[in-house]
């Protein structure tokens, strides 16, 4: 668990990054329900956004993800908590072909306060030297791409986002959903 004090480069005073608990599922779901549509409203097909929210942010689906990461050294579902409220989260695991950071979202009002950096910093601190992961970011989501690059991720490949999410994460989309160009970014912790 990581705590922070306030200054110009750190998250808000009192922010705590810790492993998610089952009781956090509703707060995490609320963040996804608020953040995903706002983040992708002008860059992804509405049917894609709706499918992600419905399948990934039902409280039961979030609780299953939290439970799946609990007690697994190769999986981390982290939450950022401020004043007793979940304000951000990160989901990482090694269940696929390669370790993957599946999602990192904050409440919309909490962006640009260092909370995302606190979450990714805690994940990187937990990785062993030489370990790494991939993540998929929609090309048109320039703030996210810049954020990940600023934390050491580099472009590895280009894919269609909905196709990747279906194949790697099991999200089902309508057959007529528009494609969304995406990047596969890779992080490797220095040895």
C-alpha atoms as a PDB file:
ATOM      1  CA  UNK A   1       0.000   0.000   0.000  1.00  0.00           C
ATOM      2  CA  UNK A   2       1.335   3.391  -1.012  1.00  0.00           C
ATOM      3  CA  UNK A   3       0.495   6.718   0.667  1.00  0.00           C
ATOM      4  CA  UNK A   4       1.378  10.147  -0.645  1.00  0.00           C
ATOM      5  CA  UNK A   5       1.778  13.667   0.662  1.00  0.00           C
ATOM      6  CA  UNK A   6       0.847  16.756  -1.334  1.00  0.00           C
ATOM      7  CA  UNK A   7       3.258  18.789  -3.410  1.00  0.00           C
ATOM      8  CA  UNK A   8       3.391  19.957  -7.011  1.00  0.00           C
ATOM      9  CA  UNK A   9       4.418  16.537  -8.350  1.00  0.00           C
ATOM     10  CA  UNK A  10       2.487  14.147  -6.144  1.00  0.00           C
ATOM     11  CA  UNK A  11      -1.160  13.093  -5.855  1.00  0.00           C
ATOM     12  CA  UNK A  12      -3.514  14.753  -3.375  1.00  0.00           C
ATOM     13  CA  UNK A  13      -2.756  14.601   0.337  1.00  0.00           C
ATOM     14  CA  UNK A  14      -4.167  11.426   1.845  1.00  0.00           C
ATOM     15  CA  UNK A  15      -4.387   9.438  -1.401  1.00  0.00           C
ATOM     16  CA  UNK A  16      -3.846   5.739  -0.782  1.00  0.00           C
ATOM     17  CA  UNK A  17      -3.175   3.148  -3.486  1.00  0.00           C
ATOM     18  CA  UNK A  18      -4.015  -0.373  -2.323  1.00  0.00           C
ATOM     19  CA  UNK A  19      -5.262  -3.743  -3.509  1.00  0.00           C
ATOM     20  CA  UNK A  20      -8.955  -3.675  -4.356  1.00  0.00           C
ATOM     21  CA  UNK A  21     -11.403  -5.415  -2.050  1.00  0.00           C
ATOM     22  CA  UNK A  22     -14.802  -6.898  -2.926  1.00  0.00           C
ATOM     23  CA  UNK A  23     -16.492  -3.874  -1.324  1.00  0.00           C
ATOM     24  CA  UNK A  24     -14.744  -1.641  -3.906  1.00  0.00           C
ATOM     25  CA  UNK A  25     -16.593  -3.207  -6.865  1.00  0.00           C
ATOM     26  CA  UNK A  26     -19.459  -0.689  -6.887  1.00  0.00           C
ATOM     27  CA  UNK A  27     -17.054   2.264  -6.784  1.00  0.00           C
ATOM     28  CA  UNK A  28     -14.922   0.828  -9.589  1.00  0.00           C
ATOM     29  CA  UNK A  29     -18.037   0.114 -11.677  1.00  0.00           C
ATOM     30  CA  UNK A  30     -19.224   3.694 -11.190  1.00  0.00           C
ATOM     31  CA  UNK A  31     -15.871   5.007 -12.440  1.00  0.00           C
ATOM     32  CA  UNK A  32     -16.046   2.822 -15.557  1.00  0.00           C
ATOM     33  CA  UNK A  33     -19.655   3.809 -16.239  1.00  0.00           C
ATOM     34  CA  UNK A  34     -18.714   7.517 -15.998  1.00  0.00           C
ATOM     35  CA  UNK A  35     -15.257   7.471 -17.576  1.00  0.00           C
ATOM     36  CA  UNK A  36     -15.503   5.102 -20.535  1.00  0.00           C
ATOM     37  CA  UNK A  37     -18.293   6.992 -22.355  1.00  0.00           C
ATOM     38  CA  UNK A  38     -16.668  10.359 -21.644  1.00  0.00           C
ATOM     39  CA  UNK A  39     -13.218   9.187 -22.766  1.00  0.00           C
ATOM     40  CA  UNK A  40     -14.363   7.595 -26.018  1.00  0.00           C
ATOM     41  CA  UNK A  41     -17.466   9.623 -26.983  1.00  0.00           C
ATOM     42  CA  UNK A  42     -15.878  11.263 -30.015  1.00  0.00           C
ATOM     43  CA  UNK A  43     -13.385   8.552 -30.955  1.00  0.00           C
ATOM     44  CA  UNK A  44     -15.226   5.208 -30.823  1.00  0.00           C
ATOM     45  CA  UNK A  45     -18.494   3.846 -32.167  1.00  0.00           C
ATOM     46  CA  UNK A  46     -21.329   4.258 -29.646  1.00  0.00           C
ATOM     47  CA  UNK A  47     -22.068   0.512 -29.876  1.00  0.00           C
ATOM     48  CA  UNK A  48     -18.459  -0.254 -28.888  1.00  0.00           C
ATOM     49  CA  UNK A  49     -18.688   2.059 -25.870  1.00  0.00           C
ATOM     50  CA  UNK A  50     -22.024   0.590 -24.794  1.00  0.00           C
ATOM     51  CA  UNK A  51     -20.682  -2.987 -25.101  1.00  0.00           C
ATOM     52  CA  UNK A  52     -17.620  -2.195 -22.988  1.00  0.00           C
ATOM     53  CA  UNK A  53     -19.677  -0.540 -20.253  1.00  0.00           C
ATOM     54  CA  UNK A  54     -22.358  -3.243 -20.160  1.00  0.00           C
ATOM     55  CA  UNK A  55     -19.936  -6.186 -20.149  1.00  0.00           C
ATOM     56  CA  UNK A  56     -17.016  -4.820 -18.158  1.00  0.00           C
ATOM     57  CA  UNK A  57     -18.613  -2.490 -15.598  1.00  0.00           C
ATOM     58  CA  UNK A  58     -21.532  -4.411 -14.198  1.00  0.00           C
ATOM     59  CA  UNK A  59     -20.786  -4.671 -10.467  1.00  0.00           C
ATOM     60  CA  UNK A  60     -20.686  -8.493 -10.681  1.00  0.00           C
ATOM     61  CA  UNK A  61     -18.137  -8.352 -13.539  1.00  0.00           C
ATOM     62  CA  UNK A  62     -15.923  -5.947 -11.593  1.00  0.00           C
ATOM     63  CA  UNK A  63     -16.223  -8.083  -8.444  1.00  0.00           C
ATOM     64  CA  UNK A  64     -15.166 -11.151 -10.464  1.00  0.00           C
ATOM     65  CA  UNK A  65     -12.090  -9.276 -11.751  1.00  0.00           C
ATOM     66  CA  UNK A  66     -11.154  -8.146  -8.249  1.00  0.00           C
ATOM     67  CA  UNK A  67     -11.644 -11.683  -6.923  1.00  0.00           C
ATOM     68  CA  UNK A  68      -9.602 -13.147  -9.788  1.00  0.00           C
ATOM     69  CA  UNK A  69      -6.647 -10.917  -8.900  1.00  0.00           C
ATOM     70  CA  UNK A  70      -6.820 -11.457  -5.129  1.00  0.00           C
ATOM     71  CA  UNK A  71      -4.006 -13.609  -3.833  1.00  0.00           C
ATOM     72  CA  UNK A  72      -2.364 -13.968  -7.267  1.00  0.00           C
ATOM     73  CA  UNK A  73       1.207 -12.644  -7.336  1.00  0.00           C
ATOM     74  CA  UNK A  74       0.914 -12.127 -11.104  1.00  0.00           C
ATOM     75  CA  UNK A  75      -2.290 -10.065 -10.956  1.00  0.00           C
ATOM     76  CA  UNK A  76      -3.066  -6.692  -9.434  1.00  0.00           C
ATOM     77  CA  UNK A  77      -6.372  -4.895  -9.166  1.00  0.00           C
ATOM     78  CA  UNK A  78      -5.442  -1.616  -7.500  1.00  0.00           C
ATOM     79  CA  UNK A  79      -7.630   1.233  -6.322  1.00  0.00           C
ATOM     80  CA  UNK A  80      -6.752   4.814  -5.487  1.00  0.00           C
ATOM     81  CA  UNK A  81      -8.746   5.987  -2.480  1.00  0.00           C
ATOM     82  CA  UNK A  82      -9.149   9.593  -1.346  1.00  0.00           C
ATOM     83  CA  UNK A  83     -11.298  10.622   1.630  1.00  0.00           C
ATOM     84  CA  UNK A  84     -12.705   7.085   1.804  1.00  0.00           C
ATOM     85  CA  UNK A  85     -13.855   7.099  -1.845  1.00  0.00           C
ATOM     86  CA  UNK A  86     -12.449   5.100  -4.761  1.00  0.00           C
ATOM     87  CA  UNK A  87     -11.297   7.731  -7.284  1.00  0.00           C
ATOM     88  CA  UNK A  88      -9.335   5.517  -9.681  1.00  0.00           C
ATOM     89  CA  UNK A  89      -8.365   1.942 -10.442  1.00  0.00           C
ATOM     90  CA  UNK A  90      -5.947  -0.240 -12.399  1.00  0.00           C
ATOM     91  CA  UNK A  91      -6.419  -3.867 -13.536  1.00  0.00           C
ATOM     92  CA  UNK A  92      -3.379  -5.962 -14.535  1.00  0.00           C
ATOM     93  CA  UNK A  93      -2.942  -9.717 -14.922  1.00  0.00           C
ATOM     94  CA  UNK A  94      -0.970 -12.466 -16.621  1.00  0.00           C
ATOM     95  CA  UNK A  95      -3.946 -14.574 -17.736  1.00  0.00           C
ATOM     96  CA  UNK A  96      -3.458 -14.056 -21.490  1.00  0.00           C
ATOM     97  CA  UNK A  97      -0.576 -14.848 -23.807  1.00  0.00           C
ATOM     98  CA  UNK A  98       1.433 -11.998 -22.229  1.00  0.00           C
ATOM     99  CA  UNK A  99       0.993  -9.947 -19.042  1.00  0.00           C
ATOM    100  CA  UNK A 100      -1.380  -7.062 -19.713  1.00  0.00           C
ATOM    101  CA  UNK A 101      -2.521  -3.819 -18.154  1.00  0.00           C
ATOM    102  CA  UNK A 102      -6.185  -4.061 -19.119  1.00  0.00           C
ATOM    103  CA  UNK A 103      -7.506  -0.789 -17.781  1.00  0.00           C
ATOM    104  CA  UNK A 104      -6.665   2.295 -15.793  1.00  0.00           C
ATOM    105  CA  UNK A 105      -9.441   4.851 -15.228  1.00  0.00           C
ATOM    106  CA  UNK A 106     -10.145   7.734 -12.887  1.00  0.00           C
ATOM    107  CA  UNK A 107     -13.261   9.642 -11.997  1.00  0.00           C
ATOM    108  CA  UNK A 108     -13.423  12.373 -14.666  1.00  0.00           C
ATOM    109  CA  UNK A 109     -13.038  15.163 -12.071  1.00  0.00           C
ATOM    110  CA  UNK A 110      -9.857  13.523 -10.704  1.00  0.00           C
ATOM    111  CA  UNK A 111      -7.803  13.581 -13.924  1.00  0.00           C
ATOM    112  CA  UNK A 112      -4.468  15.431 -14.046  1.00  0.00           C
ATOM    113  CA  UNK A 113      -3.916  15.252 -10.296  1.00  0.00           C
ATOM    114  CA  UNK A 114      -1.223  12.542 -10.272  1.00  0.00           C
ATOM    115  CA  UNK A 115      -3.601   9.717  -9.376  1.00  0.00           C
ATOM    116  CA  UNK A 116      -3.014   7.765 -12.594  1.00  0.00           C
ATOM    117  CA  UNK A 117       0.730   8.127 -12.073  1.00  0.00           C
ATOM    118  CA  UNK A 118       0.338   6.828  -8.505  1.00  0.00           C
ATOM    119  CA  UNK A 119      -1.529   3.761  -9.757  1.00  0.00           C
ATOM    120  CA  UNK A 120       0.931   2.931 -12.543  1.00  0.00           C
ATOM    121  CA  UNK A 121       3.849   3.698 -10.207  1.00  0.00           C
ATOM    122  CA  UNK A 122       2.567   1.152  -7.696  1.00  0.00           C
ATOM    123  CA  UNK A 123       2.197  -1.465 -10.452  1.00  0.00           C
ATOM    124  CA  UNK A 124       5.739  -0.799 -11.688  1.00  0.00           C
ATOM    125  CA  UNK A 125       7.065  -1.040  -8.115  1.00  0.00           C
ATOM    126  CA  UNK A 126       5.492  -4.498  -7.802  1.00  0.00           C
ATOM    127  CA  UNK A 127       7.032  -5.858 -11.010  1.00  0.00           C
ATOM    128  CA  UNK A 128      10.346  -7.689 -10.835  1.00  0.00           C
ATOM    129  CA  UNK A 129      13.285  -6.284 -12.811  1.00  0.00           C
ATOM    130  CA  UNK A 130      13.050  -7.360 -16.449  1.00  0.00           C
ATOM    131  CA  UNK A 131       9.309  -8.050 -16.199  1.00  0.00           C
ATOM    132  CA  UNK A 132       6.967  -6.302 -18.561  1.00  0.00           C
ATOM    133  CA  UNK A 133       3.488  -6.039 -19.951  1.00  0.00           C
ATOM    134  CA  UNK A 134       1.467  -4.738 -22.874  1.00  0.00           C
ATOM    135  CA  UNK A 135      -1.607  -2.574 -23.050  1.00  0.00           C
ATOM    136  CA  UNK A 136      -3.910  -1.460 -25.829  1.00  0.00           C
ATOM    137  CA  UNK A 137      -4.665   2.249 -26.280  1.00  0.00           C
ATOM    138  CA  UNK A 138      -6.918   3.785 -28.918  1.00  0.00           C
ATOM    139  CA  UNK A 139      -4.750   5.943 -31.198  1.00  0.00           C
ATOM    140  CA  UNK A 140      -7.190   8.869 -31.090  1.00  0.00           C
ATOM    141  CA  UNK A 141      -7.023   8.915 -27.276  1.00  0.00           C
ATOM    142  CA  UNK A 142      -3.948  11.152 -27.429  1.00  0.00           C
ATOM    143  CA  UNK A 143      -3.918  12.027 -23.691  1.00  0.00           C
ATOM    144  CA  UNK A 144      -3.785   8.319 -22.747  1.00  0.00           C
ATOM    145  CA  UNK A 145      -1.099   7.534 -25.317  1.00  0.00           C
ATOM    146  CA  UNK A 146       1.005  10.466 -24.050  1.00  0.00           C
ATOM    147  CA  UNK A 147       0.454   9.383 -20.414  1.00  0.00           C
ATOM    148  CA  UNK A 148       1.644   5.833 -21.088  1.00  0.00           C
ATOM    149  CA  UNK A 149       4.629   6.993 -23.121  1.00  0.00           C
ATOM    150  CA  UNK A 150       5.611   9.305 -20.248  1.00  0.00           C
ATOM    151  CA  UNK A 151       5.686   6.210 -18.023  1.00  0.00           C
ATOM    152  CA  UNK A 152       8.083   4.297 -20.257  1.00  0.00           C
ATOM    153  CA  UNK A 153       5.778   2.435 -22.624  1.00  0.00           C
ATOM    154  CA  UNK A 154       6.765   2.137 -26.273  1.00  0.00           C
ATOM    155  CA  UNK A 155       4.771   1.244 -29.370  1.00  0.00           C
ATOM    156  CA  UNK A 156       4.988  -2.401 -30.363  1.00  0.00           C
ATOM    157  CA  UNK A 157       2.152  -2.866 -32.874  1.00  0.00           C
ATOM    158  CA  UNK A 158      -0.989  -1.371 -34.379  1.00  0.00           C
ATOM    159  CA  UNK A 159      -4.323  -3.210 -34.199  1.00  0.00           C
ATOM    160  CA  UNK A 160      -8.065  -2.635 -34.352  1.00  0.00           C
ATOM    161  CA  UNK A 161      -9.205  -1.902 -30.788  1.00  0.00           C
ATOM    162  CA  UNK A 162     -12.568  -3.711 -30.806  1.00  0.00           C
ATOM    163  CA  UNK A 163     -11.067  -6.789 -32.505  1.00  0.00           C
ATOM    164  CA  UNK A 164      -8.260  -6.883 -29.938  1.00  0.00           C
ATOM    165  CA  UNK A 165     -10.681  -6.446 -27.029  1.00  0.00           C
ATOM    166  CA  UNK A 166     -12.839  -9.266 -28.355  1.00  0.00           C
ATOM    167  CA  UNK A 167      -9.932 -11.654 -28.931  1.00  0.00           C
ATOM    168  CA  UNK A 168      -7.934 -10.846 -25.787  1.00  0.00           C
ATOM    169  CA  UNK A 169     -10.584  -9.808 -23.268  1.00  0.00           C
ATOM    170  CA  UNK A 170     -13.738 -11.538 -24.451  1.00  0.00           C
ATOM    171  CA  UNK A 171     -15.792  -8.378 -25.003  1.00  0.00           C
ATOM    172  CA  UNK A 172     -18.492  -8.979 -27.631  1.00  0.00           C
ATOM    173  CA  UNK A 173     -19.353  -6.196 -30.060  1.00  0.00           C
ATOM    174  CA  UNK A 174     -22.121  -5.871 -32.658  1.00  0.00           C
ATOM    175  CA  UNK A 175     -20.929  -7.154 -36.053  1.00  0.00           C
ATOM    176  CA  UNK A 176     -21.374  -3.704 -37.622  1.00  0.00           C
ATOM    177  CA  UNK A 177     -19.299  -1.855 -34.980  1.00  0.00           C
ATOM    178  CA  UNK A 178     -16.875   0.593 -36.544  1.00  0.00           C
ATOM    179  CA  UNK A 179     -13.159  -0.171 -36.207  1.00  0.00           C
ATOM    180  CA  UNK A 180     -10.987   1.941 -33.902  1.00  0.00           C
ATOM    181  CA  UNK A 181      -7.253   2.045 -34.683  1.00  0.00           C
ATOM    182  CA  UNK A 182      -5.230   1.190 -31.584  1.00  0.00           C
ATOM    183  CA  UNK A 183      -1.670   0.812 -30.393  1.00  0.00           C
ATOM    184  CA  UNK A 184      -0.165  -2.050 -28.458  1.00  0.00           C
ATOM    185  CA  UNK A 185       2.285  -0.408 -26.069  1.00  0.00           C
ATOM    186  CA  UNK A 186       4.899  -2.325 -24.078  1.00  0.00           C
ATOM    187  CA  UNK A 187       6.579  -1.632 -20.752  1.00  0.00           C
ATOM    188  CA  UNK A 188       9.675  -3.467 -19.528  1.00  0.00           C
ATOM    189  CA  UNK A 189      11.003  -2.744 -16.047  1.00  0.00           C
ATOM    190  CA  UNK A 190      14.722  -1.998 -16.143  1.00  0.00           C
ATOM    191  CA  UNK A 191      16.968  -4.681 -14.685  1.00  0.00           C
END
